[in-house]
Amino acid sequence: MSSSIEETLSECREVFCYFDSKGDDRIQVTQVGDVLRALGQNPTDMEIQKCCAQWTDPDTRITFEDFVPILQSVNKNRDFGEKHSVDEFVEGLSHFDKEGSGLINVAELRHLLTTLGERLSDEEVDALLAGHNDAHGNVNIADFVRTVMHA
């Protein structure tokens, strides 16, 4: 079901206004990530910082008109990100597979997930790795990537 741009913007404005605690049709710039997530986006902290860099004061309140270009930017980045295939992620993690067995040591994977890029917390990594490690402390790279991408 496709909806018109007007309907989509109206729905976005409704969610935006839900976060307006003062009734001035604005939100605090610090709420941008929350509003984006409420709209079904999944921006990284870095994307949010980049989109909001022009507002240096965290108490700044922005209008819906200020917000729309941020939403469009994050939406465009998300579309790009979804084009990555399971094979590309498997290939990336395979660089850490020293024996060429299709496995990565669970400790090494934990280290990668908690120290690189958008770092995950230990609890988030525990949840991702649950049930994936074998008796030898290894994770099947392809199975792990498929599970994460289809979660």
Protein backbone atom coordinates (compact mmCIF):
# COMPACT_ATOMS: atom_id res chain seq x y z
CA MET A 1 0.00 0.00 0.00
CA SER A 2 1.56 3.27 -1.03
CA SER A 3 0.52 6.50 0.56
CA SER A 4 0.89 9.96 -0.84
CA ILE A 5 3.75 12.22 0.21
CA GLU A 6 1.24 14.43 2.03
CA GLU A 7 -0.02 11.48 4.10
CA THR A 8 3.52 10.36 4.87
CA LEU A 9 4.54 13.86 5.95
CA SER A 10 1.38 14.15 8.02
CA GLU A 11 2.22 10.87 9.82
CA CYS A 12 5.80 12.05 10.38
CA ARG A 13 4.57 15.39 11.75
CA GLU A 14 2.24 13.53 14.12
CA VAL A 15 5.15 11.51 15.55
CA PHE A 16 7.33 14.65 15.64
CA CYS A 17 4.65 16.54 17.60
CA TYR A 18 4.36 13.66 20.06
CA PHE A 19 7.91 14.53 21.19
CA ASP A 20 7.07 18.26 21.53
CA SER A 21 6.92 18.70 25.31
CA LYS A 22 6.31 22.47 25.25
CA GLY A 23 3.58 22.75 22.63
CA ASP A 24 5.62 25.08 20.41
CA ASP A 25 5.75 22.69 17.41
CA ARG A 26 9.44 22.06 18.08
CA ILE A 27 11.60 19.32 19.60
CA GLN A 28 14.95 19.53 21.31
CA VAL A 29 17.79 18.72 18.93
CA THR A 30 18.81 15.97 21.38
CA GLN A 31 15.52 14.18 20.57
CA VAL A 32 16.21 13.84 16.83
CA GLY A 33 17.45 10.24 17.18
CA ASP A 34 14.40 9.27 19.26
CA VAL A 35 12.02 10.75 16.67
CA LEU A 36 13.86 9.05 13.79
CA ARG A 37 13.67 5.71 15.60
CA ALA A 38 9.96 6.24 16.34
CA LEU A 39 9.54 6.70 12.58
CA GLY A 40 11.13 3.31 11.95
CA GLN A 41 14.60 4.55 11.03
CA ASN A 42 17.73 3.10 12.58
CA PRO A 43 20.37 5.82 12.32
CA THR A 44 23.80 5.44 13.85
CA ASP A 45 24.88 7.92 16.50
CA MET A 46 27.41 9.25 13.96
CA GLU A 47 24.66 9.92 11.38
CA ILE A 48 22.62 11.82 13.96
CA GLN A 49 25.63 13.90 15.03
CA LYS A 50 26.43 14.72 11.40
CA CYS A 51 22.84 15.72 10.61
CA CYS A 52 22.57 17.89 13.72
CA ALA A 53 26.07 19.41 13.62
CA GLN A 54 24.73 22.88 12.76
CA TRP A 55 22.98 23.09 16.14
CA THR A 56 25.80 23.23 18.68
CA ASP A 57 23.61 24.04 21.71
CA PRO A 58 21.88 20.86 22.98
CA ASP A 59 18.96 23.01 24.24
CA THR A 60 18.17 24.16 20.68
CA ARG A 61 14.61 23.38 19.63
CA ILE A 62 14.05 22.64 15.95
CA THR A 63 10.93 22.81 13.79
CA PHE A 64 9.43 20.03 11.71
CA GLU A 65 10.74 21.89 8.65
CA ASP A 66 14.27 21.63 10.12
CA PHE A 67 13.68 17.93 10.78
CA VAL A 68 12.46 16.79 7.33
CA PRO A 69 15.87 17.08 5.58
CA ILE A 70 17.42 15.04 8.43
CA LEU A 71 14.78 12.33 7.94
CA GLN A 72 15.39 12.32 4.18
CA SER A 73 19.16 12.06 4.68
CA VAL A 74 18.91 9.17 7.14
CA ASN A 75 16.32 7.42 4.97
CA LYS A 76 18.62 7.69 1.93
CA ASN A 77 21.56 6.32 3.94
CA ARG A 78 19.42 3.44 5.18
CA ASP A 79 18.41 2.51 1.64
CA PHE A 80 22.09 2.43 0.72
CA GLY A 81 22.94 0.29 3.74
CA GLU A 82 20.26 -2.28 2.99
CA LYS A 83 21.90 -3.05 -0.34
CA HIS A 84 24.73 -4.81 1.47
CA SER A 85 24.33 -8.53 1.05
CA VAL A 86 24.91 -11.38 3.44
CA ASP A 87 27.86 -12.37 1.24
CA GLU A 88 29.54 -8.97 1.69
CA PHE A 89 29.37 -9.21 5.49
CA VAL A 90 30.52 -12.84 5.44
CA GLU A 91 33.44 -11.80 3.24
CA GLY A 92 34.33 -8.98 5.66
CA LEU A 93 34.34 -11.25 8.69
CA SER A 94 36.17 -13.99 6.79
CA HIS A 95 39.33 -11.86 6.92
CA PHE A 96 39.49 -12.93 10.59
CA ASP A 97 39.11 -16.62 9.70
CA LYS A 98 42.77 -17.64 9.78
CA GLU A 99 42.19 -21.33 8.94
CA GLY A 100 39.67 -20.69 6.17
CA SER A 101 37.16 -22.89 7.99
CA GLY A 102 34.23 -20.46 7.86
CA LEU A 103 34.54 -19.94 11.60
CA ILE A 104 35.60 -16.99 13.76
CA ASN A 105 36.65 -17.28 17.38
CA VAL A 106 33.88 -15.98 19.66
CA ALA A 107 36.34 -13.86 21.68
CA GLU A 108 37.66 -12.23 18.50
CA LEU A 109 34.12 -11.53 17.22
CA ARG A 110 33.20 -10.07 20.63
CA HIS A 111 36.28 -7.82 20.46
CA LEU A 112 35.32 -6.61 16.94
CA LEU A 113 31.71 -5.88 17.94
CA THR A 114 32.64 -3.98 21.11
CA THR A 115 35.59 -1.93 19.80
CA LEU A 116 35.01 -1.07 16.12
CA GLY A 117 32.52 1.23 14.40
CA GLU A 118 29.22 1.60 16.22
CA ARG A 119 30.34 -0.21 19.35
CA LEU A 120 27.95 -2.65 20.97
CA SER A 121 27.66 -3.16 24.71
CA ASP A 122 28.62 -6.50 26.27
CA GLU A 123 24.89 -7.19 26.83
CA GLU A 124 24.10 -6.53 23.14
CA VAL A 125 26.92 -8.83 22.05
CA ASP A 126 25.75 -11.54 24.48
CA ALA A 127 22.28 -11.34 22.92
CA LEU A 128 23.67 -11.53 19.37
CA LEU A 129 26.00 -14.43 20.11
CA ALA A 130 23.50 -16.49 22.14
CA GLY A 131 23.44 -20.01 20.74
CA HIS A 132 26.00 -19.33 17.99
CA ASN A 133 29.24 -20.61 19.50
CA ASP A 134 30.24 -24.25 19.17
CA ALA A 135 32.02 -26.43 21.74
CA HIS A 136 35.39 -25.01 20.61
CA GLY A 137 34.41 -21.35 21.14
CA ASN A 138 33.91 -20.58 17.45
CA VAL A 139 31.03 -19.03 15.51
CA ASN A 140 29.99 -20.02 11.98
CA ILE A 141 30.39 -16.71 10.14
CA ALA A 142 27.70 -17.28 7.47
CA ASP A 143 25.08 -18.54 9.95
CA PHE A 144 25.79 -15.65 12.33
CA VAL A 145 25.52 -12.98 9.58
CA ARG A 146 22.28 -14.51 8.21
CA THR A 147 20.72 -14.59 11.68
CA VAL A 148 21.70 -10.96 12.45
CA MET A 149 20.55 -9.63 9.08
CA HIS A 150 17.18 -11.38 9.25
CA ALA A 151 16.48 -10.55 12.89
